[in-house]
């Protein structure tokens, strides 16, 4: 017994709908971690519950979408890309924003502008081969930097955001 082309198309359409419906139900039932209350005061942005082990494991997920948009400097009739703005009004969990292979002897230099944490707790981690090697530190002028020179081995570097009900923003270079 052979199946007609019309029946095959109908069954294919039903299968696609079932997959999308299943994905939608899964997303509704697994929305990510609950927001973590800021218990260390409005002027202390240090993480209280998320650990470096949570950051490296990347199993926590996140709640609150990290938005990205390209920023531009405008000079007369010329517009030049000045970076990518990352931001969120209420972010909880861990979120990887960059992954690359880095060669032995290379440097890791991160310079972020317009770095602001307005509420909650927030950290920007640098991870090399599954080990936290540092955080991007910021100053009162809205500049955040990290430098590690002469990497001892070739490996995978990741930039990971961690937040507990965090309202943050920063501008990263387009070429990292």
Foldseek 3Di string as FASTA:
>chain_A
DDDDPVVVVVVVVVVVVVVVVVVVVVCVVPVFDDFFDAPPDFVAQADDPQDLLQQLVVPRGKHWDWDKDWDWDDDDPDTDTPFIKTWTQFMAGKDWDDKDKDAAQAKDKWKKAQKDKRGFHKWKFKDWPSHTPDTFDDDPRRITMDIDGGHHHITMIIIMMHTRRIGIMIGTHPVD
